[in-house]
Protein backbone atom coordinates (compact mmCIF):
# COMPACT_ATOMS: atom_id res chain seq x y z
CA MET A 1 -47.33 30.67 41.26
CA THR A 2 -45.34 27.67 40.07
CA THR A 3 -46.72 25.15 37.61
CA THR A 4 -45.02 21.79 37.86
CA THR A 5 -45.00 18.89 35.46
CA ARG A 6 -45.63 15.46 36.90
CA GLU A 7 -46.35 12.02 35.56
CA ILE A 8 -49.33 9.99 36.74
CA THR A 9 -49.70 6.33 35.79
CA VAL A 10 -53.18 4.84 35.35
CA ASN A 11 -54.61 2.13 33.10
CA GLY A 12 -51.11 0.97 32.23
CA MET A 13 -50.20 4.37 30.76
CA THR A 14 -48.26 7.34 32.09
CA PHE A 15 -49.83 10.76 31.61
CA ARG A 16 -47.83 13.98 31.56
CA CYS A 17 -49.73 16.58 33.59
CA ARG A 18 -49.43 20.23 34.53
CA GLU A 19 -50.19 20.76 38.22
CA ALA A 20 -50.70 24.12 39.88
CA GLY A 21 -51.72 25.15 43.39
CA GLU A 22 -51.25 23.41 46.70
CA SER A 23 -54.63 23.94 48.33
CA GLY A 24 -58.23 24.76 47.58
CA GLU A 25 -60.94 23.01 45.63
CA PRO A 26 -59.67 20.72 42.85
CA VAL A 27 -60.13 21.56 39.18
CA ILE A 28 -59.33 19.26 36.24
CA LEU A 29 -58.83 20.85 32.82
CA LEU A 30 -59.00 18.95 29.51
CA HIS A 31 -57.49 20.27 26.29
CA GLY A 32 -58.84 19.76 22.79
CA PHE A 33 -57.44 19.10 19.31
CA PRO A 34 -54.85 20.01 18.17
CA GLU A 35 -53.50 21.37 21.46
CA THR A 36 -52.04 20.15 24.75
CA SER A 37 -52.38 21.16 28.39
CA HIS A 38 -50.32 24.22 27.41
CA MET A 39 -53.59 25.87 26.35
CA TRP A 40 -54.40 26.36 30.06
CA THR A 41 -51.15 28.09 31.10
CA GLN A 42 -52.76 31.55 31.18
CA LEU A 43 -55.78 30.34 33.16
CA LEU A 44 -53.96 28.21 35.74
CA PRO A 45 -52.49 31.13 37.74
CA GLU A 46 -55.88 32.84 37.79
CA LEU A 47 -57.45 29.70 39.26
CA VAL A 48 -54.70 29.30 41.83
CA ALA A 49 -55.05 32.96 42.86
CA ALA A 50 -58.75 32.27 43.42
CA ASP A 51 -57.83 29.36 45.74
CA TYR A 52 -58.20 26.39 43.42
CA ARG A 53 -55.67 23.64 42.77
CA CYS A 54 -55.45 22.33 39.24
CA LEU A 55 -54.50 19.31 37.21
CA ALA A 56 -54.27 19.60 33.41
CA PRO A 57 -53.22 16.34 31.73
CA ASP A 58 -51.92 15.79 28.25
CA GLN A 59 -54.57 13.23 27.46
CA ARG A 60 -54.43 9.76 25.92
CA GLY A 61 -52.46 9.94 22.68
CA TYR A 62 -50.92 13.28 23.59
CA SER A 63 -48.69 12.09 26.44
CA PRO A 64 -45.74 10.19 24.93
CA LYS A 65 -46.14 7.31 27.39
CA ALA A 66 -49.92 7.11 26.95
CA ARG A 67 -50.16 6.56 23.22
CA PRO A 68 -51.66 3.12 22.47
CA GLU A 69 -52.03 2.02 18.86
CA GLY A 70 -55.42 1.42 17.27
CA LYS A 71 -58.47 3.64 17.03
CA GLU A 72 -60.42 1.30 19.31
CA ASN A 73 -58.28 2.61 22.18
CA TYR A 74 -59.63 6.15 21.72
CA GLN A 75 -63.35 5.71 22.25
CA THR A 76 -64.94 8.39 24.38
CA ASP A 77 -65.84 6.08 27.26
CA LEU A 78 -62.17 5.13 27.65
CA LEU A 79 -61.06 8.76 27.53
CA ALA A 80 -63.64 9.63 30.20
CA LYS A 81 -62.44 6.78 32.41
CA ASP A 82 -58.92 8.18 32.14
CA VAL A 83 -60.19 11.41 33.70
CA ILE A 84 -61.76 9.60 36.64
CA ASP A 85 -58.70 7.40 37.16
CA LEU A 86 -56.42 10.44 37.05
CA ALA A 87 -58.61 12.11 39.68
CA ASP A 88 -58.33 8.99 41.85
CA ALA A 89 -54.55 8.93 41.47
CA TRP A 90 -54.46 12.65 42.30
CA GLY A 91 -56.28 11.82 45.52
CA VAL A 92 -59.47 13.65 44.58
CA ASP A 93 -63.05 12.46 44.89
CA LYS A 94 -65.20 15.35 43.67
CA PHE A 95 -63.82 18.06 41.40
CA HIS A 96 -64.70 20.90 39.07
CA LEU A 97 -64.25 20.08 35.38
CA ILE A 98 -63.31 22.53 32.59
CA ALA A 99 -62.69 21.48 29.00
CA HIS A 100 -62.43 22.74 25.43
CA ASP A 101 -63.13 21.20 22.01
CA TRP A 102 -62.51 17.43 22.05
CA GLY A 103 -61.72 17.69 25.74
CA ALA A 104 -65.26 19.02 26.14
CA GLY A 105 -66.57 16.01 24.24
CA VAL A 106 -64.84 13.84 26.84
CA GLY A 107 -66.06 16.11 29.63
CA TRP A 108 -69.67 15.64 28.60
CA ARG A 109 -69.16 11.87 28.77
CA VAL A 110 -67.65 12.27 32.26
CA VAL A 111 -70.64 14.22 33.61
CA MET A 112 -73.10 11.79 32.00
CA THR A 113 -71.33 8.65 33.22
CA TYR A 114 -69.85 9.78 36.55
CA PRO A 115 -72.12 12.64 37.70
CA GLU A 116 -71.34 12.00 41.35
CA ARG A 117 -67.72 12.98 40.75
CA VAL A 118 -68.19 16.42 39.16
CA GLN A 119 -69.17 19.46 41.25
CA SER A 120 -69.43 21.88 38.32
CA TRP A 121 -68.89 21.57 34.59
CA THR A 122 -67.65 24.15 32.07
CA ALA A 123 -67.72 23.28 28.36
CA LEU A 124 -65.91 25.57 25.93
CA SER A 125 -67.08 25.54 22.29
CA ILE A 126 -68.87 22.16 22.40
CA PRO A 127 -72.52 21.84 23.56
CA HIS A 128 -74.26 18.69 24.80
CA PRO A 129 -73.49 15.79 22.40
CA ALA A 130 -77.15 15.17 21.63
CA SER A 131 -77.63 18.80 20.62
CA TYR A 132 -74.50 18.56 18.49
CA GLY A 133 -75.80 15.29 17.04
CA ARG A 134 -79.09 16.84 15.97
CA ALA A 135 -77.28 19.58 14.09
CA PHE A 136 -74.82 17.10 12.59
CA ARG A 137 -77.80 15.14 11.25
CA ASP A 138 -80.21 17.92 10.24
CA ASP A 139 -78.45 21.26 9.76
CA PRO A 140 -76.75 21.99 6.40
CA ASP A 141 -74.46 24.60 7.94
CA GLN A 142 -73.19 22.19 10.59
CA GLN A 143 -72.83 19.44 8.01
CA GLU A 144 -70.61 21.76 5.99
CA LYS A 145 -68.59 22.75 9.04
CA SER A 146 -68.12 19.06 9.92
CA GLN A 147 -66.61 17.93 6.63
CA TYR A 148 -63.18 17.85 8.23
CA ILE A 149 -64.36 14.96 10.44
CA PHE A 150 -64.83 12.79 7.35
CA PHE A 151 -61.41 13.84 6.06
CA PHE A 152 -59.85 12.79 9.37
CA GLN A 153 -61.25 9.25 9.02
CA GLU A 154 -58.74 8.12 6.37
CA PRO A 155 -55.59 6.71 8.01
CA GLY A 156 -52.47 8.30 6.61
CA VAL A 157 -54.26 10.85 4.44
CA ALA A 158 -54.87 13.47 7.11
CA GLU A 159 -51.45 12.82 8.64
CA ALA A 160 -49.75 13.53 5.31
CA ALA A 161 -51.77 16.69 4.76
CA PHE A 162 -50.91 18.04 8.19
CA ALA A 163 -47.19 17.25 7.79
CA ALA A 164 -46.84 18.74 4.29
CA ASN A 165 -44.73 21.87 3.81
CA ASP A 166 -43.21 21.71 7.28
CA TRP A 167 -46.60 21.22 8.96
CA GLU A 168 -48.04 24.32 7.30
CA MET A 169 -51.70 23.30 7.61
CA LEU A 170 -51.28 22.50 11.29
CA ARG A 171 -49.46 25.76 12.03
CA ASN A 172 -52.24 27.74 10.33
CA ILE A 173 -54.83 26.31 12.75
CA TRP A 174 -53.12 28.12 15.63
CA ALA A 175 -53.43 31.67 14.30
CA ALA A 176 -54.73 32.81 17.70
CA SER A 177 -51.84 31.24 19.63
CA ASP A 178 -48.59 32.98 20.54
CA ASP A 179 -45.19 31.75 19.34
CA GLU A 180 -44.40 29.86 22.55
CA GLU A 181 -47.66 27.95 22.32
CA LYS A 182 -47.09 27.13 18.66
CA ARG A 183 -43.61 25.77 19.42
CA GLU A 184 -45.06 23.56 22.16
CA TYR A 185 -47.70 22.16 19.83
CA VAL A 186 -45.35 21.57 16.91
CA ALA A 187 -42.98 19.70 19.21
CA GLN A 188 -45.91 17.59 20.38
CA PHE A 189 -47.35 16.64 17.01
CA THR A 190 -44.02 15.89 15.36
CA GLU A 191 -43.34 13.15 17.93
CA PRO A 192 -43.60 9.64 16.42
CA GLY A 193 -47.23 8.50 16.32
CA ALA A 194 -48.60 11.65 17.96
CA MET A 195 -50.64 12.94 15.03
CA THR A 196 -52.20 9.54 14.36
CA ALA A 197 -53.05 9.18 18.05
CA ALA A 198 -54.74 12.59 18.11
CA LEU A 199 -56.71 11.81 14.95
CA ASN A 200 -57.75 8.48 16.46
CA TRP A 201 -60.02 10.46 18.81
CA TYR A 202 -62.11 11.16 15.70
CA ARG A 203 -61.67 7.71 14.21
CA GLY A 204 -62.46 5.83 17.42
CA SER A 205 -65.60 7.78 18.19
CA PHE A 206 -66.59 9.36 14.85
CA GLY A 207 -66.92 12.78 16.38
CA MET A 208 -68.45 12.05 19.78
CA ARG A 209 -70.35 8.86 18.94
CA GLU A 210 -68.97 5.34 19.12
CA ASP A 211 -71.92 4.16 17.02
CA PRO A 212 -73.42 6.78 14.67
CA GLY A 213 -76.67 4.81 14.65
CA ASN A 214 -77.12 4.67 18.41
CA MET A 215 -77.41 7.97 20.24
CA ALA A 216 -78.62 6.51 23.55
CA ASP A 217 -75.42 7.27 25.46
CA ALA A 218 -75.11 10.75 23.98
CA GLU A 219 -78.70 11.62 24.92
CA ARG A 220 -78.29 11.18 28.67
CA LYS A 221 -79.53 14.20 30.53
CA VAL A 222 -77.18 16.24 32.68
CA ALA A 223 -77.96 17.54 36.16
CA THR A 224 -74.45 18.82 36.94
CA PRO A 225 -74.34 22.64 37.11
CA THR A 226 -73.16 23.56 33.62
CA LEU A 227 -71.63 26.58 31.93
CA THR A 228 -71.29 26.43 28.15
CA ILE A 229 -69.35 29.12 26.29
CA TRP A 230 -69.57 29.28 22.50
CA GLY A 231 -68.13 31.67 19.93
CA ASN A 232 -70.54 32.76 17.21
CA GLY A 233 -67.67 32.83 14.71
CA ASP A 234 -66.67 29.22 15.39
CA GLN A 235 -65.56 27.65 12.12
CA ALA A 236 -66.28 24.10 13.31
CA VAL A 237 -69.35 24.44 15.55
CA GLY A 238 -72.39 26.30 14.24
CA ARG A 239 -75.28 27.91 16.04
CA ALA A 240 -77.63 24.98 15.40
CA THR A 241 -75.50 22.81 17.68
CA THR A 242 -76.48 24.97 20.65
CA LEU A 243 -80.24 25.16 20.12
CA ALA A 244 -81.36 21.85 21.62
CA GLN A 245 -79.03 21.74 24.61
CA THR A 246 -81.73 22.75 27.12
CA ASP A 247 -83.68 19.61 26.17
CA TYR A 248 -80.94 17.54 27.78
CA MET A 249 -80.26 19.57 30.91
CA THR A 250 -82.09 18.98 34.19
CA GLY A 251 -79.91 21.16 36.41
CA TYR A 252 -78.43 24.66 36.31
CA ASN A 253 -77.54 25.48 32.71
CA LYS A 254 -75.97 28.79 31.63
CA PHE A 255 -75.11 29.47 27.99
CA VAL A 256 -72.77 32.32 27.04
CA GLU A 257 -72.32 33.48 23.45
CA LEU A 258 -69.19 35.46 22.63
CA ASP A 259 -68.12 37.31 19.50
CA ALA A 260 -65.24 34.91 18.94
CA GLY A 261 -64.10 31.92 16.96
CA HIS A 262 -63.21 28.44 18.18
CA TRP A 263 -60.12 29.34 20.22
CA LEU A 264 -61.96 31.03 23.07
CA ILE A 265 -59.13 31.08 25.62
CA GLN A 266 -56.76 32.77 23.17
CA GLU A 267 -59.30 35.14 21.63
CA ARG A 268 -61.40 36.29 24.60
CA PHE A 269 -59.39 35.34 27.67
CA ASP A 270 -60.77 37.91 30.11
CA ASP A 271 -64.39 37.10 29.28
CA VAL A 272 -63.83 33.35 29.50
CA LYS A 273 -61.86 33.67 32.74
CA GLY A 274 -64.56 35.82 34.33
CA GLU A 275 -67.35 33.41 33.43
CA ILE A 276 -65.40 30.40 34.65
CA LEU A 277 -64.47 31.94 38.01
CA ALA A 278 -68.05 33.09 38.60
CA HIS A 279 -69.33 29.59 37.82
CA LEU A 280 -66.85 27.91 40.16
CA ARG A 281 -67.73 30.30 42.97
CA GLN A 282 -71.46 29.75 42.46
CA PHE A 283 -71.10 25.99 43.02
CA PRO A 284 -68.49 25.41 45.75
CA LEU A 285 -67.78 22.02 47.16
CA ALA A 286 -69.68 21.42 50.39
């Protein structure tokens, strides 16, 4: 299987994408922070072998030619629209969606705003935003785990911390990644403006909420067939975030708990791959 890199221009920006497979049902994969589409390189051949074709973009702020200035350009609704516009440019109407971490935050917005476009939805590490929001508001453990979000709000401060000592703090995040993956990520985040753009996902949407006082958008219920995989050793997302998800789901909803941390693909690849393939097969395109 050959993975190619192509550029797709939408919304006045050019996105660098990994594309794999020439036929089969379409799958779009969204990376999280601080990663790129490289996180999917082990999964892509498995999907192609199962007769899926895949598009994994480096999202807004991560692609060098899709890096607008200003946190207002990184609100979740804009990031979700990018996904739909990329699908349109790829020539795809309905698709399967798989995402991790911040990419999952965007994915939830996609299935809530454009449900007619998504055949099945797989969220890695991040549950429904309203369930996350409850824990963020009420659970001391999640509040402790979320302190980094407040740290990321200060322009320049987080950037300096990440860059210190030859990007030591950033490199330590990727303990579960191999050397090739780490080199890819370091090259990405040392590009001019790249770290600020990635942090603007947090600054533009304060986690997953444009307005911390208005949860209406985040509380939309989801009918799209959904698989959520969460690691019970996740250092950023605690158990309380998962407890209310069923309150916001009106369709098929499967929750899988793994003995793993946040980096599910790297830590428990075979388990994650198996769950994803079973979910895709259970909900084929008509």
